[in-house]
Amino acid sequence: QEQLVESGGGLVQPGGSLRLSCVASGSIFSIYIMKWYRQVPGKQRELVATITAGGNTDYADYVSGRFTISRDNAAKTVYLQMNSLKPEDTAVYYCNAYHSMISANYWGQGTQVTVSS
């Protein structure tokens, strides 16, 4: 069982930046596809960014060019650098570790990001 712990959320003004971190507890972090999702009350959880085990990245259109996902396998950590934040980025952000061959699909507890003046 993998445990994921997010941190780095908070209140920021529009145009500001935050960096989210997600630390994994297990020993096979490097094989996971790591993803960041976000969710606002009353809406479905939506995919924000993905990074593969090989370091390839992909982004939702609404964050492309503003957010950057990265990983440090030695630290068992995935990051989400969020720049030029907008009020519509306000959500609870969750990290996810996924690997189909071992039926792995783990979630963190979420961290709140609020963008407001």
PDB file of N, CA and C in Angstrom:
ATOM      1  N   GLN A   1       0.840  -1.186   0.000  1.00  0.00           N
ATOM      2  CA  GLN A   1       0.000   0.000   0.000  1.00  0.00           C
ATOM      3  C   GLN A   1       0.882   1.245   0.000  1.00  0.00           C
ATOM      4  N   GLU A   2       0.564   2.154  -0.907  1.00  0.00           N
ATOM      5  CA  GLU A   2       1.328   3.390  -1.016  1.00  0.00           C
ATOM      6  C   GLU A   2       0.579   4.499  -0.303  1.00  0.00           C
ATOM      7  N   GLN A   3       1.290   5.317   0.446  1.00  0.00           N
ATOM      8  CA  GLN A   3       0.688   6.513   1.034  1.00  0.00           C
ATOM      9  C   GLN A   3       1.275   7.744   0.366  1.00  0.00           C
ATOM     10  N   LEU A   4       0.390   8.668   0.014  1.00  0.00           N
ATOM     11  CA  LEU A   4       0.791   9.911  -0.627  1.00  0.00           C
ATOM     12  C   LEU A   4       0.367  11.081   0.254  1.00  0.00           C
ATOM     13  N   VAL A   5       1.273  12.001   0.490  1.00  0.00           N
ATOM     14  CA  VAL A   5       0.982  13.151   1.347  1.00  0.00           C
ATOM     15  C   VAL A   5       1.303  14.426   0.578  1.00  0.00           C
ATOM     16  N   GLU A   6       0.236  15.224   0.328  1.00  0.00           N
ATOM     17  CA  GLU A   6       0.424  16.495  -0.370  1.00  0.00           C
ATOM     18  C   GLU A   6       0.676  17.617   0.628  1.00  0.00           C
ATOM     19  N   SER A   7       1.352  18.644   0.141  1.00  0.00           N
ATOM     20  CA  SER A   7       1.554  19.863   0.923  1.00  0.00           C
ATOM     21  C   SER A   7       1.789  21.013  -0.039  1.00  0.00           C
ATOM     22  N   GLY A   8       1.776  22.237   0.507  1.00  0.00           N
ATOM     23  CA  GLY A   8       2.097  23.406  -0.288  1.00  0.00           C
ATOM     24  C   GLY A   8       0.919  24.264  -0.692  1.00  0.00           C
ATOM     25  N   GLY A   9      -0.298  23.816  -0.388  1.00  0.00           N
ATOM     26  CA  GLY A   9      -1.454  24.624  -0.718  1.00  0.00           C
ATOM     27  C   GLY A   9      -1.560  25.842   0.173  1.00  0.00           C
ATOM     28  N   GLY A  10      -2.513  26.711  -0.167  1.00  0.00           N
ATOM     29  CA  GLY A  10      -2.721  27.897   0.635  1.00  0.00           C
ATOM     30  C   GLY A  10      -3.488  28.952  -0.133  1.00  0.00           C
ATOM     31  N   LEU A  11      -3.458  30.154   0.422  1.00  0.00           N
ATOM     32  CA  LEU A  11      -4.138  31.307  -0.169  1.00  0.00           C
ATOM     33  C   LEU A  11      -3.110  32.158  -0.908  1.00  0.00           C
ATOM     34  N   VAL A  12      -3.421  32.490  -2.150  1.00  0.00           N
ATOM     35  CA  VAL A  12      -2.519  33.306  -2.952  1.00  0.00           C
ATOM     36  C   VAL A  12      -3.342  34.278  -3.778  1.00  0.00           C
ATOM     37  N   GLN A  13      -2.771  35.424  -4.079  1.00  0.00           N
ATOM     38  CA  GLN A  13      -3.463  36.416  -4.892  1.00  0.00           C
ATOM     39  C   GLN A  13      -3.400  36.032  -6.371  1.00  0.00           C
ATOM     40  N   PRO A  14      -4.362  36.488  -7.146  1.00  0.00           N
ATOM     41  CA  PRO A  14      -4.291  36.246  -8.596  1.00  0.00           C
ATOM     42  C   PRO A  14      -2.960  36.726  -9.164  1.00  0.00           C
ATOM     43  N   GLY A  15      -2.395  35.910 -10.047  1.00  0.00           N
ATOM     44  CA  GLY A  15      -1.085  36.205 -10.605  1.00  0.00           C
ATOM     45  C   GLY A  15       0.071  35.631  -9.816  1.00  0.00           C
ATOM     46  N   GLY A  16      -0.226  35.131  -8.638  1.00  0.00           N
ATOM     47  CA  GLY A  16       0.824  34.583  -7.786  1.00  0.00           C
ATOM     48  C   GLY A  16       1.197  33.153  -8.131  1.00  0.00           C
ATOM     49  N   SER A  17       2.081  32.591  -7.306  1.00  0.00           N
ATOM     50  CA  SER A  17       2.596  31.244  -7.546  1.00  0.00           C
ATOM     51  C   SER A  17       2.540  30.412  -6.280  1.00  0.00           C
ATOM     52  N   LEU A  18       2.419  29.110  -6.476  1.00  0.00           N
ATOM     53  CA  LEU A  18       2.530  28.128  -5.411  1.00  0.00           C
ATOM     54  C   LEU A  18       3.221  26.899  -5.975  1.00  0.00           C
ATOM     55  N   ARG A  19       3.890  26.167  -5.092  1.00  0.00           N
ATOM     56  CA  ARG A  19       4.447  24.872  -5.484  1.00  0.00           C
ATOM     57  C   ARG A  19       3.895  23.797  -4.562  1.00  0.00           C
ATOM     58  N   LEU A  20       3.192  22.850  -5.151  1.00  0.00           N
ATOM     59  CA  LEU A  20       2.669  21.713  -4.411  1.00  0.00           C
ATOM     60  C   LEU A  20       3.679  20.569  -4.440  1.00  0.00           C
ATOM     61  N   SER A  21       3.712  19.821  -3.344  1.00  0.00           N
ATOM     62  CA  SER A  21       4.563  18.639  -3.249  1.00  0.00           C
ATOM     63  C   SER A  21       3.708  17.445  -2.857  1.00  0.00           C
ATOM     64  N   CYS A  22       4.124  16.291  -3.310  1.00  0.00           N
ATOM     65  CA  CYS A  22       3.453  15.048  -2.939  1.00  0.00           C
ATOM     66  C   CYS A  22       4.538  14.005  -2.690  1.00  0.00           C
ATOM     67  N   VAL A  23       4.619  13.560  -1.439  1.00  0.00           N
ATOM     68  CA  VAL A  23       5.656  12.603  -1.048  1.00  0.00           C
ATOM     69  C   VAL A  23       5.040  11.219  -0.900  1.00  0.00           C
ATOM     70  N   ALA A  24       5.707  10.226  -1.484  1.00  0.00           N
ATOM     71  CA  ALA A  24       5.238   8.846  -1.404  1.00  0.00           C
ATOM     72  C   ALA A  24       6.009   8.081  -0.339  1.00  0.00           C
ATOM     73  N   SER A  25       5.352   7.078   0.218  1.00  0.00           N
ATOM     74  CA  SER A  25       5.964   6.338   1.316  1.00  0.00           C
ATOM     75  C   SER A  25       6.672   5.071   0.881  1.00  0.00           C
ATOM     76  N   GLY A  26       6.315   4.531  -0.262  1.00  0.00           N
ATOM     77  CA  GLY A  26       6.810   3.231  -0.659  1.00  0.00           C
ATOM     78  C   GLY A  26       8.172   3.276  -1.325  1.00  0.00           C
ATOM     79  N   SER A  27       8.595   2.112  -1.793  1.00  0.00           N
ATOM     80  CA  SER A  27       9.942   1.983  -2.346  1.00  0.00           C
ATOM     81  C   SER A  27       9.972   1.879  -3.865  1.00  0.00           C
ATOM     82  N   ILE A  28       8.798   1.911  -4.515  1.00  0.00           N
ATOM     83  CA  ILE A  28       8.779   1.740  -5.969  1.00  0.00           C
ATOM     84  C   ILE A  28       8.207   2.971  -6.656  1.00  0.00           C
ATOM     85  N   PHE A  29       8.399   4.115  -6.051  1.00  0.00           N
ATOM     86  CA  PHE A  29       7.859   5.368  -6.579  1.00  0.00           C
ATOM     87  C   PHE A  29       8.251   5.575  -8.042  1.00  0.00           C
ATOM     88  N   SER A  30       9.452   5.218  -8.403  1.00  0.00           N
ATOM     89  CA  SER A  30       9.978   5.560  -9.726  1.00  0.00           C
ATOM     90  C   SER A  30       9.208   4.905 -10.875  1.00  0.00           C
ATOM     91  N   ILE A  31       8.454   3.850 -10.603  1.00  0.00           N
ATOM     92  CA  ILE A  31       7.751   3.182 -11.697  1.00  0.00           C
ATOM     93  C   ILE A  31       6.365   3.758 -11.961  1.00  0.00           C
ATOM     94  N   TYR A  32       5.885   4.582 -11.043  1.00  0.00           N
ATOM     95  CA  TYR A  32       4.516   5.087 -11.173  1.00  0.00           C
ATOM     96  C   TYR A  32       4.394   6.188 -12.205  1.00  0.00           C
ATOM     97  N   ILE A  33       3.254   6.214 -12.872  1.00  0.00           N
ATOM     98  CA  ILE A  33       2.799   7.426 -13.536  1.00  0.00           C
ATOM     99  C   ILE A  33       2.195   8.291 -12.438  1.00  0.00           C
ATOM    100  N   MET A  34       2.660   9.513 -12.334  1.00  0.00           N
ATOM    101  CA  MET A  34       2.176  10.416 -11.298  1.00  0.00           C
ATOM    102  C   MET A  34       1.322  11.502 -11.944  1.00  0.00           C
ATOM    103  N   LYS A  35       0.218  11.795 -11.284  1.00  0.00           N
ATOM    104  CA  LYS A  35      -0.720  12.777 -11.822  1.00  0.00           C
ATOM    105  C   LYS A  35      -1.160  13.727 -10.713  1.00  0.00           C
ATOM    106  N   TRP A  36      -1.495  14.928 -11.113  1.00  0.00           N
ATOM    107  CA  TRP A  36      -2.173  15.885 -10.261  1.00  0.00           C
ATOM    108  C   TRP A  36      -3.578  16.100 -10.811  1.00  0.00           C
ATOM    109  N   TYR A  37      -4.547  16.009  -9.924  1.00  0.00           N
ATOM    110  CA  TYR A  37      -5.942  16.307 -10.222  1.00  0.00           C
ATOM    111  C   TYR A  37      -6.388  17.458  -9.339  1.00  0.00           C
ATOM    112  N   ARG A  38      -7.548  18.026  -9.686  1.00  0.00           N
ATOM    113  CA  ARG A  38      -8.152  19.022  -8.809  1.00  0.00           C
ATOM    114  C   ARG A  38      -9.667  18.856  -8.835  1.00  0.00           C
ATOM    115  N   GLN A  39     -10.283  19.348  -7.766  1.00  0.00           N
ATOM    116  CA  GLN A  39     -11.729  19.201  -7.636  1.00  0.00           C
ATOM    117  C   GLN A  39     -12.300  20.373  -6.863  1.00  0.00           C
ATOM    118  N   VAL A  40     -13.400  20.894  -7.378  1.00  0.00           N
ATOM    119  CA  VAL A  40     -14.161  21.914  -6.657  1.00  0.00           C
ATOM    120  C   VAL A  40     -15.490  21.297  -6.240  1.00  0.00           C
ATOM    121  N   PRO A  41     -16.089  21.804  -5.179  1.00  0.00           N
ATOM    122  CA  PRO A  41     -17.348  21.222  -4.697  1.00  0.00           C
ATOM    123  C   PRO A  41     -18.413  21.196  -5.787  1.00  0.00           C
ATOM    124  N   GLY A  42     -19.067  20.049  -5.916  1.00  0.00           N
ATOM    125  CA  GLY A  42     -20.147  19.910  -6.887  1.00  0.00           C
ATOM    126  C   GLY A  42     -19.710  19.558  -8.289  1.00  0.00           C
ATOM    127  N   LYS A  43     -18.398  19.448  -8.493  1.00  0.00           N
ATOM    128  CA  LYS A  43     -17.894  19.104  -9.820  1.00  0.00           C
ATOM    129  C   LYS A  43     -17.039  17.852  -9.765  1.00  0.00           C
ATOM    130  N   GLN A  44     -16.855  17.228 -10.926  1.00  0.00           N
ATOM    131  CA  GLN A  44     -16.002  16.045 -11.006  1.00  0.00           C
ATOM    132  C   GLN A  44     -14.536  16.421 -10.859  1.00  0.00           C
ATOM    133  N   ARG A  45     -13.780  15.484 -10.334  1.00  0.00           N
ATOM    134  CA  ARG A  45     -12.340  15.665 -10.255  1.00  0.00           C
ATOM    135  C   ARG A  45     -11.786  15.714 -11.678  1.00  0.00           C
ATOM    136  N   GLU A  46     -10.879  16.657 -11.932  1.00  0.00           N
ATOM    137  CA  GLU A  46     -10.350  16.802 -13.281  1.00  0.00           C
ATOM    138  C   GLU A  46      -8.827  16.687 -13.285  1.00  0.00           C
ATOM    139  N   LEU A  47      -8.309  16.102 -14.354  1.00  0.00           N
ATOM    140  CA  LEU A  47      -6.878  15.898 -14.488  1.00  0.00           C
ATOM    141  C   LEU A  47      -6.190  17.200 -14.852  1.00  0.00           C
ATOM    142  N   VAL A  48      -5.118  17.513 -14.131  1.00  0.00           N
ATOM    143  CA  VAL A  48      -4.371  18.740 -14.355  1.00  0.00           C
ATOM    144  C   VAL A  48      -3.075  18.466 -15.121  1.00  0.00           C
ATOM    145  N   ALA A  49      -2.296  17.487 -14.640  1.00  0.00           N
ATOM    146  CA  ALA A  49      -0.981  17.236 -15.238  1.00  0.00           C
ATOM    147  C   ALA A  49      -0.556  15.805 -14.949  1.00  0.00           C
ATOM    148  N   THR A  50       0.261  15.281 -15.859  1.00  0.00           N
ATOM    149  CA  THR A  50       0.762  13.908 -15.780  1.00  0.00           C
ATOM    150  C   THR A  50       2.249  13.894 -16.046  1.00  0.00           C
ATOM    151  N   ILE A  51       2.963  13.027 -15.319  1.00  0.00           N
ATOM    152  CA  ILE A  51       4.367  12.776 -15.620  1.00  0.00           C
ATOM    153  C   ILE A  51       4.590  11.271 -15.563  1.00  0.00           C
ATOM    154  N   THR A  52       5.189  10.734 -16.620  1.00  0.00           N
ATOM    155  CA  THR A  52       5.425   9.299 -16.681  1.00  0.00           C
ATOM    156  C   THR A  52       6.682   8.923 -15.909  1.00  0.00           C
ATOM    157  N   ALA A  53       6.900   7.610 -15.805  1.00  0.00           N
ATOM    158  CA  ALA A  53       8.118   7.144 -15.150  1.00  0.00           C
ATOM    159  C   ALA A  53       9.361   7.639 -15.880  1.00  0.00           C
ATOM    160  N   GLY A  54       9.244   7.822 -17.181  1.00  0.00           N
ATOM    161  CA  GLY A  54      10.371   8.298 -17.976  1.00  0.00           C
ATOM    162  C   GLY A  54      10.520   9.804 -18.028  1.00  0.00           C
ATOM    163  N   GLY A  55       9.586  10.508 -17.391  1.00  0.00           N
ATOM    164  CA  GLY A  55       9.685  11.962 -17.318  1.00  0.00           C
ATOM    165  C   GLY A  55       8.910  12.724 -18.369  1.00  0.00           C
ATOM    166  N   ASN A  56       8.147  12.026 -19.197  1.00  0.00           N
ATOM    167  CA  ASN A  56       7.314  12.726 -20.173  1.00  0.00           C
ATOM    168  C   ASN A  56       6.138  13.378 -19.461  1.00  0.00           C
ATOM    169  N   THR A  57       5.784  14.572 -19.900  1.00  0.00           N
ATOM    170  CA  THR A  57       4.739  15.336 -19.226  1.00  0.00           C
ATOM    171  C   THR A  57       3.596  15.680 -20.180  1.00  0.00           C
ATOM    172  N   ASP A  58       2.445  15.898 -19.581  1.00  0.00           N
ATOM    173  CA  ASP A  58       1.263  16.306 -20.335  1.00  0.00           C
ATOM    174  C   ASP A  58       0.405  17.175 -19.424  1.00  0.00           C
ATOM    175  N   TYR A  59      -0.290  18.143 -20.026  1.00  0.00           N
ATOM    176  CA  TYR A  59      -1.051  19.107 -19.250  1.00  0.00           C
ATOM    177  C   TYR A  59      -2.444  19.311 -19.836  1.00  0.00           C
ATOM    178  N   ALA A  60      -3.383  19.622 -18.957  1.00  0.00           N
ATOM    179  CA  ALA A  60      -4.684  20.078 -19.417  1.00  0.00           C
ATOM    180  C   ALA A  60      -4.516  21.434 -20.094  1.00  0.00           C
ATOM    181  N   ASP A  61      -5.357  21.686 -21.070  1.00  0.00           N
ATOM    182  CA  ASP A  61      -5.235  22.937 -21.828  1.00  0.00           C
ATOM    183  C   ASP A  61      -5.316  24.166 -20.927  1.00  0.00           C
ATOM    184  N   TYR A  62      -6.129  24.073 -19.884  1.00  0.00           N
ATOM    185  CA  TYR A  62      -6.375  25.266 -19.066  1.00  0.00           C
ATOM    186  C   TYR A  62      -5.223  25.600 -18.124  1.00  0.00           C
ATOM    187  N   VAL A  63      -4.198  24.747 -18.045  1.00  0.00           N
ATOM    188  CA  VAL A  63      -3.032  25.061 -17.222  1.00  0.00           C
ATOM    189  C   VAL A  63      -1.744  25.080 -18.042  1.00  0.00           C
ATOM    190  N   SER A  64      -1.812  24.648 -19.279  1.00  0.00           N
ATOM    191  CA  SER A  64      -0.613  24.572 -20.115  1.00  0.00           C
ATOM    192  C   SER A  64       0.054  25.938 -20.229  1.00  0.00           C
ATOM    193  N   GLY A  65       1.352  25.947 -19.989  1.00  0.00           N
ATOM    194  CA  GLY A  65       2.108  27.186 -20.031  1.00  0.00           C
ATOM    195  C   GLY A  65       2.180  27.910 -18.701  1.00  0.00           C
ATOM    196  N   ARG A  66       1.355  27.495 -17.741  1.00  0.00           N
ATOM    197  CA  ARG A  66       1.354  28.120 -16.414  1.00  0.00           C
ATOM    198  C   ARG A  66       1.832  27.157 -15.335  1.00  0.00           C
ATOM    199  N   PHE A  67       1.511  25.888 -15.476  1.00  0.00           N
ATOM    200  CA  PHE A  67       1.856  24.875 -14.473  1.00  0.00           C
ATOM    201  C   PHE A  67       2.957  23.972 -15.024  1.00  0.00           C
ATOM    202  N   THR A  68       3.799  23.476 -14.114  1.00  0.00           N
ATOM    203  CA  THR A  68       4.859  22.537 -14.488  1.00  0.00           C
ATOM    204  C   THR A  68       4.887  21.388 -13.496  1.00  0.00           C
ATOM    205  N   ILE A  69       4.790  20.165 -14.004  1.00  0.00           N
ATOM    206  CA  ILE A  69       4.903  18.984 -13.158  1.00  0.00           C
ATOM    207  C   ILE A  69       6.322  18.436 -13.281  1.00  0.00           C
ATOM    208  N   SER A  70       6.861  17.980 -12.155  1.00  0.00           N
ATOM    209  CA  SER A  70       8.198  17.388 -12.158  1.00  0.00           C
ATOM    210  C   SER A  70       8.252  16.335 -11.063  1.00  0.00           C
ATOM    211  N   ARG A  71       9.307  15.526 -11.105  1.00  0.00           N
ATOM    212  CA  ARG A  71       9.436  14.476 -10.094  1.00  0.00           C
ATOM    213  C   ARG A  71      10.897  14.328  -9.718  1.00  0.00           C
ATOM    214  N   ASP A  72      11.095  13.904  -8.474  1.00  0.00           N
ATOM    215  CA  ASP A  72      12.416  13.582  -7.947  1.00  0.00           C
ATOM    216  C   ASP A  72      12.308  12.175  -7.381  1.00  0.00           C
ATOM    217  N   ASN A  73      12.769  11.202  -8.148  1.00  0.00           N
ATOM    218  CA  ASN A  73      12.597   9.815  -7.727  1.00  0.00           C
ATOM    219  C   ASN A  73      13.392   9.487  -6.468  1.00  0.00           C
ATOM    220  N   ALA A  74      14.537  10.100  -6.295  1.00  0.00           N
ATOM    221  CA  ALA A  74      15.332   9.835  -5.091  1.00  0.00           C
ATOM    222  C   ALA A  74      14.592  10.304  -3.842  1.00  0.00           C
ATOM    223  N   ALA A  75      13.854  11.398  -3.982  1.00  0.00           N
ATOM    224  CA  ALA A  75      13.089  11.932  -2.855  1.00  0.00           C
ATOM    225  C   ALA A  75      11.667  11.387  -2.811  1.00  0.00           C
ATOM    226  N   LYS A  76      11.308  10.566  -3.800  1.00  0.00           N
ATOM    227  CA  LYS A  76       9.956   9.989  -3.894  1.00  0.00           C
ATOM    228  C   LYS A  76       8.901  11.087  -3.848  1.00  0.00           C
ATOM    229  N   THR A  77       9.143  12.131  -4.617  1.00  0.00           N
ATOM    230  CA  THR A  77       8.296  13.313  -4.578  1.00  0.00           C
ATOM    231  C   THR A  77       7.932  13.770  -5.980  1.00  0.00           C
ATOM    232  N   VAL A  78       6.688  14.173  -6.148  1.00  0.00           N
ATOM    233  CA  VAL A  78       6.243  14.833  -7.371  1.00  0.00           C
ATOM    234  C   VAL A  78       5.813  16.248  -7.009  1.00  0.00           C
ATOM    235  N   TYR A  79       6.100  17.179  -7.890  1.00  0.00           N
ATOM    236  CA  TYR A  79       5.831  18.590  -7.651  1.00  0.00           C
ATOM    237  C   TYR A  79       4.863  19.129  -8.708  1.00  0.00           C
ATOM    238  N   LEU A  80       4.163  20.178  -8.329  1.00  0.00           N
ATOM    239  CA  LEU A  80       3.374  20.939  -9.284  1.00  0.00           C
ATOM    240  C   LEU A  80       3.660  22.414  -9.031  1.00  0.00           C
ATOM    241  N   GLN A  81       4.444  23.016  -9.910  1.00  0.00           N
ATOM    242  CA  GLN A  81       4.720  24.449  -9.846  1.00  0.00           C
ATOM    243  C   GLN A  81       3.601  25.164 -10.573  1.00  0.00           C
ATOM    244  N   MET A  82       2.919  26.044  -9.862  1.00  0.00           N
ATOM    245  CA  MET A  82       1.776  26.760 -10.422  1.00  0.00           C
ATOM    246  C   MET A  82       2.075  28.248 -10.454  1.00  0.00           C
ATOM    247  N   ASN A  83       2.134  28.803 -11.646  1.00  0.00           N
ATOM    248  CA  ASN A  83       2.401  30.217 -11.830  1.00  0.00           C
ATOM    249  C   ASN A  83       1.188  30.901 -12.458  1.00  0.00           C
ATOM    250  N   SER A  84       1.175  32.212 -12.395  1.00  0.00           N
ATOM    251  CA  SER A  84       0.091  33.010 -12.998  1.00  0.00           C
ATOM    252  C   SER A  84      -1.271  32.465 -12.587  1.00  0.00           C
ATOM    253  N   LEU A  85      -1.425  32.241 -11.304  1.00  0.00           N
ATOM    254  CA  LEU A  85      -2.656  31.621 -10.814  1.00  0.00           C
ATOM    255  C   LEU A  85      -3.863  32.524 -11.014  1.00  0.00           C
ATOM    256  N   LYS A  86      -4.988  31.882 -11.283  1.00  0.00           N
ATOM    257  CA  LYS A  86      -6.251  32.573 -11.529  1.00  0.00           C
ATOM    258  C   LYS A  86      -7.282  32.127 -10.489  1.00  0.00           C
ATOM    259  N   PRO A  87      -8.292  32.926 -10.231  1.00  0.00           N
ATOM    260  CA  PRO A  87      -9.330  32.496  -9.279  1.00  0.00           C
ATOM    261  C   PRO A  87      -9.951  31.149  -9.659  1.00  0.00           C
ATOM    262  N   GLU A  88     -10.050  30.867 -10.923  1.00  0.00           N
ATOM    263  CA  GLU A  88     -10.646  29.592 -11.356  1.00  0.00           C
ATOM    264  C   GLU A  88      -9.740  28.391 -11.101  1.00  0.00           C
ATOM    265  N   ASP A  89      -8.516  28.633 -10.651  1.00  0.00           N
ATOM    266  CA  ASP A  89      -7.642  27.528 -10.236  1.00  0.00           C
ATOM    267  C   ASP A  89      -7.941  27.085  -8.802  1.00  0.00           C
ATOM    268  N   THR A  90      -8.797  27.799  -8.114  1.00  0.00           N
ATOM    269  CA  THR A  90      -9.160  27.437  -6.755  1.00  0.00           C
ATOM    270  C   THR A  90      -9.804  26.056  -6.725  1.00  0.00           C
ATOM    271  N   ALA A  91      -9.243  25.162  -5.911  1.00  0.00           N
ATOM    272  CA  ALA A  91      -9.717  23.780  -5.843  1.00  0.00           C
ATOM    273  C   ALA A  91      -8.908  23.051  -4.779  1.00  0.00           C
ATOM    274  N   VAL A  92      -9.351  21.838  -4.476  1.00  0.00           N
ATOM    275  CA  VAL A  92      -8.510  20.909  -3.721  1.00  0.00           C
ATOM    276  C   VAL A  92      -7.697  20.126  -4.750  1.00  0.00           C
ATOM    277  N   TYR A  93      -6.398  20.093  -4.558  1.00  0.00           N
ATOM    278  CA  TYR A  93      -5.493  19.417  -5.478  1.00  0.00           C
ATOM    279  C   TYR A  93      -5.055  18.078  -4.872  1.00  0.00           C
ATOM    280  N   TYR A  94      -5.142  17.044  -5.693  1.00  0.00           N
ATOM    281  CA  TYR A  94      -4.808  15.691  -5.259  1.00  0.00           C
ATOM    282  C   TYR A  94      -3.700  15.112  -6.136  1.00  0.00           C
ATOM    283  N   CYS A  95      -2.791  14.373  -5.521  1.00  0.00           N
ATOM    284  CA  CYS A  95      -1.855  13.623  -6.345  1.00  0.00           C
ATOM    285  C   CYS A  95      -2.291  12.169  -6.413  1.00  0.00           C
ATOM    286  N   ASN A  96      -1.873  11.546  -7.490  1.00  0.00           N
ATOM    287  CA  ASN A  96      -2.277  10.173  -7.791  1.00  0.00           C
ATOM    288  C   ASN A  96      -1.078   9.408  -8.322  1.00  0.00           C
ATOM    289  N   ALA A  97      -0.922   8.179  -7.828  1.00  0.00           N
ATOM    290  CA  ALA A  97       0.123   7.273  -8.307  1.00  0.00           C
ATOM    291  C   ALA A  97      -0.547   6.095  -8.990  1.00  0.00           C
ATOM    292  N   TYR A  98      -0.142   5.826 -10.218  1.00  0.00           N
ATOM    293  CA  TYR A  98      -0.833   4.816 -11.021  1.00  0.00           C
ATOM    294  C   TYR A  98       0.169   3.928 -11.739  1.00  0.00           C
ATOM    295  N   HIS A  99      -0.149   2.608 -11.732  1.00  0.00           N
ATOM    296  CA  HIS A  99       0.599   1.661 -12.543  1.00  0.00           C
ATOM    297  C   HIS A  99      -0.324   0.488 -12.853  1.00  0.00           C
ATOM    298  N   SER A 100      -0.644   0.290 -14.110  1.00  0.00           N
ATOM    299  CA  SER A 100      -1.649  -0.693 -14.494  1.00  0.00           C
ATOM    300  C   SER A 100      -1.211  -2.127 -14.234  1.00  0.00           C
ATOM    301  N   MET A 101       0.059  -2.423 -14.413  1.00  0.00           N
ATOM    302  CA  MET A 101       0.510  -3.813 -14.327  1.00  0.00           C
ATOM    303  C   MET A 101       0.487  -4.359 -12.910  1.00  0.00           C
ATOM    304  N   ILE A 102       0.532  -3.482 -11.926  1.00  0.00           N
ATOM    305  CA  ILE A 102       0.451  -3.936 -10.529  1.00  0.00           C
ATOM    306  C   ILE A 102      -0.845  -3.463  -9.884  1.00  0.00           C
ATOM    307  N   SER A 103      -1.786  -3.025 -10.710  1.00  0.00           N
ATOM    308  CA  SER A 103      -3.092  -2.565 -10.219  1.00  0.00           C
ATOM    309  C   SER A 103      -2.951  -1.512  -9.137  1.00  0.00           C
ATOM    310  N   ALA A 104      -2.055  -0.603  -9.354  1.00  0.00           N
ATOM    311  CA  ALA A 104      -1.830   0.465  -8.378  1.00  0.00           C
ATOM    312  C   ALA A 104      -2.590   1.710  -8.796  1.00  0.00           C
ATOM    313  N   ASN A 105      -3.329   2.263  -7.857  1.00  0.00           N
ATOM    314  CA  ASN A 105      -4.057   3.512  -8.090  1.00  0.00           C
ATOM    315  C   ASN A 105      -4.277   4.162  -6.737  1.00  0.00           C
ATOM    316  N   TYR A 106      -3.322   4.984  -6.305  1.00  0.00           N
ATOM    317  CA  TYR A 106      -3.325   5.563  -4.965  1.00  0.00           C
ATOM    318  C   TYR A 106      -3.553   7.062  -5.021  1.00  0.00           C
ATOM    319  N   TRP A 107      -4.204   7.558  -3.948  1.00  0.00           N
ATOM    320  CA  TRP A 107      -4.536   8.977  -3.872  1.00  0.00           C
ATOM    321  C   TRP A 107      -4.031   9.568  -2.562  1.00  0.00           C
ATOM    322  N   GLY A 108      -3.652  10.817  -2.626  1.00  0.00           N
ATOM    323  CA  GLY A 108      -3.367  11.567  -1.428  1.00  0.00           C
ATOM    324  C   GLY A 108      -4.638  12.155  -0.839  1.00  0.00           C
ATOM    325  N   GLN A 109      -4.502  12.867   0.261  1.00  0.00           N
ATOM    326  CA  GLN A 109      -5.660  13.409   0.962  1.00  0.00           C
ATOM    327  C   GLN A 109      -6.101  14.761   0.414  1.00  0.00           C
ATOM    328  N   GLY A 110      -5.276  15.372  -0.400  1.00  0.00           N
ATOM    329  CA  GLY A 110      -5.619  16.643  -1.008  1.00  0.00           C
ATOM    330  C   GLY A 110      -5.064  17.838  -0.245  1.00  0.00           C
ATOM    331  N   THR A 111      -4.825  18.915  -0.985  1.00  0.00           N
ATOM    332  CA  THR A 111      -4.391  20.173  -0.381  1.00  0.00           C
ATOM    333  C   THR A 111      -5.158  21.307  -1.049  1.00  0.00           C
ATOM    334  N   GLN A 112      -5.663  22.220  -0.218  1.00  0.00           N
ATOM    335  CA  GLN A 112      -6.518  23.294  -0.723  1.00  0.00           C
ATOM    336  C   GLN A 112      -5.675  24.424  -1.306  1.00  0.00           C
ATOM    337  N   VAL A 113      -6.047  24.842  -2.505  1.00  0.00           N
ATOM    338  CA  VAL A 113      -5.460  26.019  -3.136  1.00  0.00           C
ATOM    339  C   VAL A 113      -6.578  27.031  -3.353  1.00  0.00           C
ATOM    340  N   THR A 114      -6.393  28.224  -2.823  1.00  0.00           N
ATOM    341  CA  THR A 114      -7.372  29.282  -2.976  1.00  0.00           C
ATOM    342  C   THR A 114      -6.697  30.496  -3.595  1.00  0.00           C
ATOM    343  N   VAL A 115      -7.235  30.936  -4.728  1.00  0.00           N
ATOM    344  CA  VAL A 115      -6.697  32.099  -5.431  1.00  0.00           C
ATOM    345  C   VAL A 115      -7.720  33.221  -5.320  1.00  0.00           C
ATOM    346  N   SER A 116      -7.371  34.232  -4.532  1.00  0.00           N
ATOM    347  CA  SER A 116      -8.328  35.298  -4.262  1.00  0.00           C
ATOM    348  C   SER A 116      -7.598  36.543  -3.813  1.00  0.00           C
ATOM    349  N   SER A 117      -8.165  37.696  -4.153  1.00  0.00           N
ATOM    350  CA  SER A 117      -7.598  38.957  -3.695  1.00  0.00           C
ATOM    351  C   SER A 117      -8.277  39.405  -2.412  1.00  0.00           C
TER     352      SER A 117
END
